[in-house]
């Protein structure tokens, strides 16, 4: 997980995804890994996959609604209706 975070911060999204996907399959820190994957997919311009992972994170831990709302990584989705439906109560 730490390696994935390091790679994500270095904008090495493909490599970060390589570390995160297996963790997601093992359900390791599931909401957090899904949240990180939502950022990775958004940075890779796959909005649908990004929103899917964000939904999964929010479903497991409602606090990710607030976190995503305040995370600048999601600024480009601020006008996206599906994003708003995920982060709104």
Protein backbone atom coordinates (compact mmCIF):
# COMPACT_ATOMS: atom_id res chain seq x y z
CA UNK A 1 0.00 0.00 0.00
CA UNK A 2 2.81 2.40 0.85
CA UNK A 3 4.51 1.73 -2.47
CA UNK A 4 1.24 2.46 -4.30
CA UNK A 5 0.85 5.76 -2.45
CA UNK A 6 4.43 6.70 -3.29
CA UNK A 7 3.85 5.93 -6.97
CA UNK A 8 0.53 7.78 -6.99
CA UNK A 9 2.22 10.87 -5.58
CA UNK A 10 4.88 10.56 -8.27
CA UNK A 11 2.11 10.48 -10.89
CA UNK A 12 3.07 6.95 -11.93
CA UNK A 13 -0.53 5.88 -12.23
CA UNK A 14 -0.05 2.62 -14.12
CA UNK A 15 2.47 1.38 -11.57
CA UNK A 16 0.29 2.49 -8.66
CA UNK A 17 -2.61 0.58 -10.20
CA UNK A 18 -0.42 -2.55 -10.42
CA UNK A 19 0.04 -2.42 -6.64
CA UNK A 20 -3.53 -1.45 -5.77
CA UNK A 21 -5.50 -3.92 -7.91
CA UNK A 22 -4.24 -7.04 -6.07
CA UNK A 23 -4.94 -5.36 -2.73
CA UNK A 24 -8.48 -4.64 -3.89
CA UNK A 25 -9.00 -8.25 -4.90
CA UNK A 26 -7.84 -9.35 -1.44
CA UNK A 27 -10.20 -6.77 0.14
CA UNK A 28 -7.24 -5.32 2.03
CA UNK A 29 -8.31 -1.98 3.54
CA UNK A 30 -11.10 -2.17 0.99
CA UNK A 31 -12.66 1.31 1.21
CA UNK A 32 -9.27 3.06 1.18
CA UNK A 33 -7.91 1.00 -1.71
CA UNK A 34 -11.08 1.65 -3.71
CA UNK A 35 -10.74 5.36 -2.98
CA UNK A 36 -7.15 5.34 -4.19
CA UNK A 37 -8.14 3.37 -7.28
CA UNK A 38 -10.82 5.95 -8.01
CA UNK A 39 -8.08 8.61 -8.07
CA UNK A 40 -5.81 6.44 -10.24
CA UNK A 41 -8.55 5.81 -12.79
CA UNK A 42 -9.52 9.48 -12.85
CA UNK A 43 -5.92 10.48 -13.52
CA UNK A 44 -5.87 7.91 -16.33
CA UNK A 45 -9.02 9.58 -17.77
CA UNK A 46 -11.30 6.60 -17.09
CA UNK A 47 -14.13 8.46 -15.38
CA UNK A 48 -16.52 5.49 -15.35
CA UNK A 49 -14.04 3.24 -13.50
CA UNK A 50 -13.14 6.11 -11.18
CA UNK A 51 -16.76 6.67 -10.19
CA UNK A 52 -17.32 2.92 -9.79
CA UNK A 53 -14.45 2.66 -7.30
CA UNK A 54 -15.58 5.79 -5.50
CA UNK A 55 -19.08 4.29 -5.11
CA UNK A 56 -17.53 1.15 -3.62
CA UNK A 57 -15.46 3.20 -1.17
CA UNK A 58 -18.47 5.25 -0.05
CA UNK A 59 -20.63 2.14 0.29
CA UNK A 60 -18.13 0.60 2.73
CA UNK A 61 -17.27 3.84 4.56
CA UNK A 62 -19.56 6.84 4.29
CA UNK A 63 -16.78 9.24 5.35
CA UNK A 64 -15.35 8.99 1.83
CA UNK A 65 -18.24 11.22 0.66
CA UNK A 66 -16.76 14.12 2.58
CA UNK A 67 -13.19 13.22 1.75
CA UNK A 68 -13.92 13.10 -2.00
CA UNK A 69 -15.88 16.34 -1.84
CA UNK A 70 -12.84 18.10 -0.37
CA UNK A 71 -10.14 16.31 -2.37
CA UNK A 72 -8.66 18.44 -5.16
CA UNK A 73 -7.99 15.26 -7.15
CA UNK A 74 -11.72 15.24 -7.92
CA UNK A 75 -11.97 18.90 -8.96
CA UNK A 76 -12.48 17.95 -12.59
CA UNK A 77 -15.61 16.00 -11.60
CA UNK A 78 -17.20 18.84 -9.67
CA UNK A 79 -19.74 19.43 -12.47
CA UNK A 80 -20.37 15.69 -13.01
CA UNK A 81 -23.90 14.67 -11.95
CA UNK A 82 -22.91 11.10 -11.07
CA UNK A 83 -20.07 12.36 -8.88
CA UNK A 84 -22.53 14.60 -7.04
CA UNK A 85 -24.97 11.76 -6.57
CA UNK A 86 -22.18 9.77 -4.92
CA UNK A 87 -20.99 12.50 -2.58
CA UNK A 88 -24.42 13.88 -1.64
CA UNK A 89 -26.57 12.31 1.04
